[in-house]
Amino acid sequence: MQVTWRFFIGEDMRWRWQQLSTDRSVVSESPASYEDYECCVAAARAQGYVFHAAQGRLVRPGNEGRFSRR
């Protein structure tokens, strides 16, 4: 099953994680909350979270200068 990981600050102002299915229903969530984002991510890694970097933009011919960094 394909899942999306969500990291957020809960009502207690501490970090939590959730696994969401493709229809956005909660599959699993952190049993605890975490003071630091890094601790929350480490706990999620123990449950199978793997970081995937965002892909770069696809530049089409003719648009090379349009997305250049300034």
PDB file of N, CA and C in Angstrom:
ATOM      1  N   MET A   1       0.840  -1.178   0.000  1.00  0.00           N
ATOM      2  CA  MET A   1       0.000   0.000   0.000  1.00  0.00           C
ATOM      3  C   MET A   1       0.889   1.247   0.000  1.00  0.00           C
ATOM      4  N   GLN A   2       0.524   2.197  -0.804  1.00  0.00           N
ATOM      5  CA  GLN A   2       1.248   3.473  -0.875  1.00  0.00           C
ATOM      6  C   GLN A   2       0.769   4.374   0.262  1.00  0.00           C
ATOM      7  N   VAL A   3       1.704   4.920   1.021  1.00  0.00           N
ATOM      8  CA  VAL A   3       1.335   5.831   2.109  1.00  0.00           C
ATOM      9  C   VAL A   3       2.104   7.134   1.973  1.00  0.00           C
ATOM     10  N   THR A   4       1.530   8.180   2.516  1.00  0.00           N
ATOM     11  CA  THR A   4       2.169   9.491   2.597  1.00  0.00           C
ATOM     12  C   THR A   4       2.428   9.769   4.066  1.00  0.00           C
ATOM     13  N   TRP A   5       3.594  10.282   4.363  1.00  0.00           N
ATOM     14  CA  TRP A   5       3.922  10.629   5.747  1.00  0.00           C
ATOM     15  C   TRP A   5       3.629  12.097   5.970  1.00  0.00           C
ATOM     16  N   ARG A   6       3.038  12.408   7.103  1.00  0.00           N
ATOM     17  CA  ARG A   6       2.706  13.776   7.466  1.00  0.00           C
ATOM     18  C   ARG A   6       3.333  14.087   8.813  1.00  0.00           C
ATOM     19  N   PHE A   7       4.048  15.185   8.885  1.00  0.00           N
ATOM     20  CA  PHE A   7       4.643  15.656  10.138  1.00  0.00           C
ATOM     21  C   PHE A   7       3.979  16.982  10.486  1.00  0.00           C
ATOM     22  N   PHE A   8       3.528  17.119  11.723  1.00  0.00           N
ATOM     23  CA  PHE A   8       2.788  18.320  12.095  1.00  0.00           C
ATOM     24  C   PHE A   8       2.931  18.597  13.587  1.00  0.00           C
ATOM     25  N   ILE A   9       2.560  19.804  13.968  1.00  0.00           N
ATOM     26  CA  ILE A   9       2.543  20.195  15.382  1.00  0.00           C
ATOM     27  C   ILE A   9       1.110  20.056  15.875  1.00  0.00           C
ATOM     28  N   GLY A  10       0.932  19.256  16.914  1.00  0.00           N
ATOM     29  CA  GLY A  10      -0.397  18.995  17.476  1.00  0.00           C
ATOM     30  C   GLY A  10      -0.859  20.092  18.410  1.00  0.00           C
ATOM     31  N   GLU A  11      -2.013  19.868  19.009  1.00  0.00           N
ATOM     32  CA  GLU A  11      -2.594  20.848  19.936  1.00  0.00           C
ATOM     33  C   GLU A  11      -1.703  21.107  21.145  1.00  0.00           C
ATOM     34  N   ASP A  12      -0.870  20.123  21.498  1.00  0.00           N
ATOM     35  CA  ASP A  12       0.040  20.282  22.630  1.00  0.00           C
ATOM     36  C   ASP A  12       1.333  21.013  22.250  1.00  0.00           C
ATOM     37  N   MET A  13       1.371  21.535  20.998  1.00  0.00           N
ATOM     38  CA  MET A  13       2.528  22.296  20.477  1.00  0.00           C
ATOM     39  C   MET A  13       3.786  21.438  20.397  1.00  0.00           C
ATOM     40  N   ARG A  14       3.628  20.150  20.155  1.00  0.00           N
ATOM     41  CA  ARG A  14       4.731  19.218  19.990  1.00  0.00           C
ATOM     42  C   ARG A  14       4.547  18.482  18.669  1.00  0.00           C
ATOM     43  N   TRP A  15       5.647  17.968  18.124  1.00  0.00           N
ATOM     44  CA  TRP A  15       5.638  17.293  16.827  1.00  0.00           C
ATOM     45  C   TRP A  15       5.029  15.902  16.902  1.00  0.00           C
ATOM     46  N   ARG A  16       4.293  15.541  15.849  1.00  0.00           N
ATOM     47  CA  ARG A  16       3.700  14.219  15.695  1.00  0.00           C
ATOM     48  C   ARG A  16       3.842  13.799  14.237  1.00  0.00           C
ATOM     49  N   TRP A  17       3.687  12.505  13.959  1.00  0.00           N
ATOM     50  CA  TRP A  17       3.690  12.015  12.583  1.00  0.00           C
ATOM     51  C   TRP A  17       2.462  11.150  12.351  1.00  0.00           C
ATOM     52  N   GLN A  18       2.071  11.056  11.088  1.00  0.00           N
ATOM     53  CA  GLN A  18       0.981  10.173  10.674  1.00  0.00           C
ATOM     54  C   GLN A  18       1.345   9.553   9.331  1.00  0.00           C
ATOM     55  N   GLN A  19       0.828   8.361   9.095  1.00  0.00           N
ATOM     56  CA  GLN A  19       0.879   7.736   7.777  1.00  0.00           C
ATOM     57  C   GLN A  19      -0.536   7.849   7.221  1.00  0.00           C
ATOM     58  N   LEU A  20      -0.655   8.371   5.991  1.00  0.00           N
ATOM     59  CA  LEU A  20      -1.954   8.536   5.357  1.00  0.00           C
ATOM     60  C   LEU A  20      -2.038   7.663   4.117  1.00  0.00           C
ATOM     61  N   SER A  21      -3.197   7.056   3.887  1.00  0.00           N
ATOM     62  CA  SER A  21      -3.408   6.261   2.674  1.00  0.00           C
ATOM     63  C   SER A  21      -3.685   7.205   1.510  1.00  0.00           C
ATOM     64  N   THR A  22      -3.833   6.648   0.321  1.00  0.00           N
ATOM     65  CA  THR A  22      -4.060   7.484  -0.860  1.00  0.00           C
ATOM     66  C   THR A  22      -5.374   8.254  -0.771  1.00  0.00           C
ATOM     67  N   ASP A  23      -6.341   7.763  -0.003  1.00  0.00           N
ATOM     68  CA  ASP A  23      -7.599   8.508   0.175  1.00  0.00           C
ATOM     69  C   ASP A  23      -7.531   9.440   1.393  1.00  0.00           C
ATOM     70  N   ARG A  24      -6.338   9.607   1.951  1.00  0.00           N
ATOM     71  CA  ARG A  24      -6.034  10.512   3.073  1.00  0.00           C
ATOM     72  C   ARG A  24      -6.579  10.049   4.418  1.00  0.00           C
ATOM     73  N   SER A  25      -6.967   8.794   4.539  1.00  0.00           N
ATOM     74  CA  SER A  25      -7.360   8.293   5.851  1.00  0.00           C
ATOM     75  C   SER A  25      -6.093   7.907   6.624  1.00  0.00           C
ATOM     76  N   VAL A  26      -6.143   8.017   7.935  1.00  0.00           N
ATOM     77  CA  VAL A  26      -4.979   7.748   8.782  1.00  0.00           C
ATOM     78  C   VAL A  26      -4.782   6.239   8.898  1.00  0.00           C
ATOM     79  N   VAL A  27      -3.585   5.784   8.508  1.00  0.00           N
ATOM     80  CA  VAL A  27      -3.214   4.375   8.596  1.00  0.00           C
ATOM     81  C   VAL A  27      -2.554   4.096   9.938  1.00  0.00           C
ATOM     82  N   SER A  28      -1.664   5.007  10.341  1.00  0.00           N
ATOM     83  CA  SER A  28      -0.914   4.858  11.579  1.00  0.00           C
ATOM     84  C   SER A  28      -0.502   6.247  12.047  1.00  0.00           C
ATOM     85  N   GLU A  29      -0.280   6.383  13.343  1.00  0.00           N
ATOM     86  CA  GLU A  29       0.182   7.671  13.862  1.00  0.00           C
ATOM     87  C   GLU A  29       1.095   7.471  15.055  1.00  0.00           C
ATOM     88  N   SER A  30       1.841   8.512  15.374  1.00  0.00           N
ATOM     89  CA  SER A  30       2.807   8.409  16.464  1.00  0.00           C
ATOM     90  C   SER A  30       2.086   8.187  17.785  1.00  0.00           C
ATOM     91  N   PRO A  31       2.604   7.273  18.598  1.00  0.00           N
ATOM     92  CA  PRO A  31       1.994   7.020  19.896  1.00  0.00           C
ATOM     93  C   PRO A  31       2.330   8.106  20.919  1.00  0.00           C
ATOM     94  N   ALA A  32       3.300   8.931  20.581  1.00  0.00           N
ATOM     95  CA  ALA A  32       3.738  10.002  21.482  1.00  0.00           C
ATOM     96  C   ALA A  32       3.969  11.266  20.671  1.00  0.00           C
ATOM     97  N   SER A  33       4.180  12.371  21.350  1.00  0.00           N
ATOM     98  CA  SER A  33       4.545  13.616  20.686  1.00  0.00           C
ATOM     99  C   SER A  33       5.994  13.927  21.047  1.00  0.00           C
ATOM    100  N   TYR A  34       6.619  14.781  20.246  1.00  0.00           N
ATOM    101  CA  TYR A  34       8.058  15.018  20.374  1.00  0.00           C
ATOM    102  C   TYR A  34       8.353  16.510  20.429  1.00  0.00           C
ATOM    103  N   GLU A  35       9.289  16.860  21.277  1.00  0.00           N
ATOM    104  CA  GLU A  35       9.711  18.252  21.440  1.00  0.00           C
ATOM    105  C   GLU A  35      10.376  18.772  20.170  1.00  0.00           C
ATOM    106  N   ASP A  36      11.218  17.953  19.549  1.00  0.00           N
ATOM    107  CA  ASP A  36      11.989  18.363  18.373  1.00  0.00           C
ATOM    108  C   ASP A  36      11.506  17.640  17.125  1.00  0.00           C
ATOM    109  N   TYR A  37      11.549  18.337  15.997  1.00  0.00           N
ATOM    110  CA  TYR A  37      11.206  17.745  14.706  1.00  0.00           C
ATOM    111  C   TYR A  37      12.114  16.558  14.406  1.00  0.00           C
ATOM    112  N   GLU A  38      13.404  16.700  14.693  1.00  0.00           N
ATOM    113  CA  GLU A  38      14.373  15.640  14.412  1.00  0.00           C
ATOM    114  C   GLU A  38      14.042  14.354  15.177  1.00  0.00           C
ATOM    115  N   CYS A  39      13.598  14.483  16.414  1.00  0.00           N
ATOM    116  CA  CYS A  39      13.208  13.310  17.210  1.00  0.00           C
ATOM    117  C   CYS A  39      11.961  12.658  16.626  1.00  0.00           C
ATOM    118  N   CYS A  40      11.052  13.466  16.141  1.00  0.00           N
ATOM    119  CA  CYS A  40       9.838  12.952  15.527  1.00  0.00           C
ATOM    120  C   CYS A  40      10.181  12.163  14.257  1.00  0.00           C
ATOM    121  N   VAL A  41      11.063  12.715  13.431  1.00  0.00           N
ATOM    122  CA  VAL A  41      11.476  12.028  12.205  1.00  0.00           C
ATOM    123  C   VAL A  41      12.212  10.731  12.549  1.00  0.00           C
ATOM    124  N   ALA A  42      13.051  10.752  13.571  1.00  0.00           N
ATOM    125  CA  ALA A  42      13.767   9.536  13.984  1.00  0.00           C
ATOM    126  C   ALA A  42      12.776   8.454  14.416  1.00  0.00           C
ATOM    127  N   ALA A  43      11.741   8.833  15.130  1.00  0.00           N
ATOM    128  CA  ALA A  43      10.722   7.860  15.550  1.00  0.00           C
ATOM    129  C   ALA A  43       9.967   7.318  14.336  1.00  0.00           C
ATOM    130  N   ALA A  44       9.703   8.177  13.361  1.00  0.00           N
ATOM    131  CA  ALA A  44       9.025   7.737  12.139  1.00  0.00           C
ATOM    132  C   ALA A  44       9.919   6.786  11.335  1.00  0.00           C
ATOM    133  N   ARG A  45      11.225   7.060  11.316  1.00  0.00           N
ATOM    134  CA  ARG A  45      12.159   6.161  10.619  1.00  0.00           C
ATOM    135  C   ARG A  45      12.102   4.758  11.215  1.00  0.00           C
ATOM    136  N   ALA A  46      11.948   4.676  12.520  1.00  0.00           N
ATOM    137  CA  ALA A  46      11.851   3.373  13.183  1.00  0.00           C
ATOM    138  C   ALA A  46      10.587   2.620  12.748  1.00  0.00           C
ATOM    139  N   GLN A  47       9.616   3.352  12.204  1.00  0.00           N
ATOM    140  CA  GLN A  47       8.373   2.747  11.718  1.00  0.00           C
ATOM    141  C   GLN A  47       8.350   2.592  10.197  1.00  0.00           C
ATOM    142  N   GLY A  48       9.486   2.912   9.540  1.00  0.00           N
ATOM    143  CA  GLY A  48       9.573   2.694   8.099  1.00  0.00           C
ATOM    144  C   GLY A  48       9.654   3.929   7.237  1.00  0.00           C
ATOM    145  N   TYR A  49       9.654   5.130   7.817  1.00  0.00           N
ATOM    146  CA  TYR A  49       9.750   6.358   7.021  1.00  0.00           C
ATOM    147  C   TYR A  49      11.103   6.447   6.340  1.00  0.00           C
ATOM    148  N   VAL A  50      11.086   6.812   5.060  1.00  0.00           N
ATOM    149  CA  VAL A  50      12.308   7.032   4.292  1.00  0.00           C
ATOM    150  C   VAL A  50      12.162   8.385   3.599  1.00  0.00           C
ATOM    151  N   PHE A  51      13.149   9.256   3.761  1.00  0.00           N
ATOM    152  CA  PHE A  51      13.116  10.575   3.138  1.00  0.00           C
ATOM    153  C   PHE A  51      13.375  10.448   1.648  1.00  0.00           C
ATOM    154  N   HIS A  52      12.534  11.099   0.847  1.00  0.00           N
ATOM    155  CA  HIS A  52      12.731  11.173  -0.595  1.00  0.00           C
ATOM    156  C   HIS A  52      12.800  12.649  -0.974  1.00  0.00           C
ATOM    157  N   ALA A  53      13.933  13.064  -1.513  1.00  0.00           N
ATOM    158  CA  ALA A  53      14.098  14.464  -1.892  1.00  0.00           C
ATOM    159  C   ALA A  53      13.160  14.813  -3.042  1.00  0.00           C
ATOM    160  N   ALA A  54      12.700  16.045  -3.054  1.00  0.00           N
ATOM    161  CA  ALA A  54      11.827  16.505  -4.135  1.00  0.00           C
ATOM    162  C   ALA A  54      12.595  16.504  -5.448  1.00  0.00           C
ATOM    163  N   GLN A  55      11.912  16.197  -6.520  1.00  0.00           N
ATOM    164  CA  GLN A  55      12.538  16.211  -7.828  1.00  0.00           C
ATOM    165  C   GLN A  55      12.638  17.644  -8.324  1.00  0.00           C
ATOM    166  N   GLY A  56      13.671  17.904  -9.121  1.00  0.00           N
ATOM    167  CA  GLY A  56      13.849  19.229  -9.705  1.00  0.00           C
ATOM    168  C   GLY A  56      12.802  19.499 -10.767  1.00  0.00           C
ATOM    169  N   ARG A  57      12.710  20.747 -11.174  1.00  0.00           N
ATOM    170  CA  ARG A  57      11.758  21.128 -12.222  1.00  0.00           C
ATOM    171  C   ARG A  57      12.199  20.595 -13.572  1.00  0.00           C
ATOM    172  N   LEU A  58      11.239  20.221 -14.377  1.00  0.00           N
ATOM    173  CA  LEU A  58      11.500  19.809 -15.742  1.00  0.00           C
ATOM    174  C   LEU A  58      11.505  21.068 -16.590  1.00  0.00           C
ATOM    175  N   VAL A  59      12.629  21.361 -17.212  1.00  0.00           N
ATOM    176  CA  VAL A  59      12.737  22.550 -18.050  1.00  0.00           C
ATOM    177  C   VAL A  59      12.526  22.124 -19.498  1.00  0.00           C
ATOM    178  N   ARG A  60      11.533  22.715 -20.116  1.00  0.00           N
ATOM    179  CA  ARG A  60      11.222  22.400 -21.503  1.00  0.00           C
ATOM    180  C   ARG A  60      12.034  23.292 -22.418  1.00  0.00           C
ATOM    181  N   PRO A  61      12.357  22.813 -23.608  1.00  0.00           N
ATOM    182  CA  PRO A  61      13.103  23.645 -24.567  1.00  0.00           C
ATOM    183  C   PRO A  61      12.387  24.974 -24.793  1.00  0.00           C
ATOM    184  N   GLY A  62      13.161  26.036 -24.740  1.00  0.00           N
ATOM    185  CA  GLY A  62      12.607  27.376 -24.921  1.00  0.00           C
ATOM    186  C   GLY A  62      12.318  28.085 -23.618  1.00  0.00           C
ATOM    187  N   ASN A  63      12.297  27.343 -22.497  1.00  0.00           N
ATOM    188  CA  ASN A  63      12.013  27.945 -21.192  1.00  0.00           C
ATOM    189  C   ASN A  63      13.235  27.942 -20.282  1.00  0.00           C
ATOM    190  N   GLU A  64      14.414  27.745 -20.841  1.00  0.00           N
ATOM    191  CA  GLU A  64      15.611  27.587 -20.008  1.00  0.00           C
ATOM    192  C   GLU A  64      15.843  28.772 -19.069  1.00  0.00           C
ATOM    193  N   GLY A  65      15.674  29.995 -19.542  1.00  0.00           N
ATOM    194  CA  GLY A  65      15.933  31.174 -18.716  1.00  0.00           C
ATOM    195  C   GLY A  65      14.805  31.516 -17.772  1.00  0.00           C
ATOM    196  N   ARG A  66      13.668  30.948 -17.986  1.00  0.00           N
ATOM    197  CA  ARG A  66      12.484  31.291 -17.193  1.00  0.00           C
ATOM    198  C   ARG A  66      12.586  30.872 -15.742  1.00  0.00           C
ATOM    199  N   PHE A  67      13.242  29.764 -15.475  1.00  0.00           N
ATOM    200  CA  PHE A  67      13.330  29.250 -14.100  1.00  0.00           C
ATOM    201  C   PHE A  67      14.735  29.385 -13.514  1.00  0.00           C
ATOM    202  N   SER A  68      15.543  30.245 -14.075  1.00  0.00           N
ATOM    203  CA  SER A  68      16.906  30.389 -13.547  1.00  0.00           C
ATOM    204  C   SER A  68      16.862  31.071 -12.191  1.00  0.00           C
ATOM    205  N   ARG A  69      17.818  30.720 -11.345  1.00  0.00           N
ATOM    206  CA  ARG A  69      17.905  31.336 -10.008  1.00  0.00           C
ATOM    207  C   ARG A  69      18.629  32.656 -10.120  1.00  0.00           C
ATOM    208  N   ARG A  70      18.188  33.573  -9.338  1.00  0.00           N
ATOM    209  CA  ARG A  70      18.777  34.921  -9.390  1.00  0.00           C
ATOM    210  C   ARG A  70      19.547  35.235  -8.160  1.00  0.00           C
TER     211      ARG A  70
END
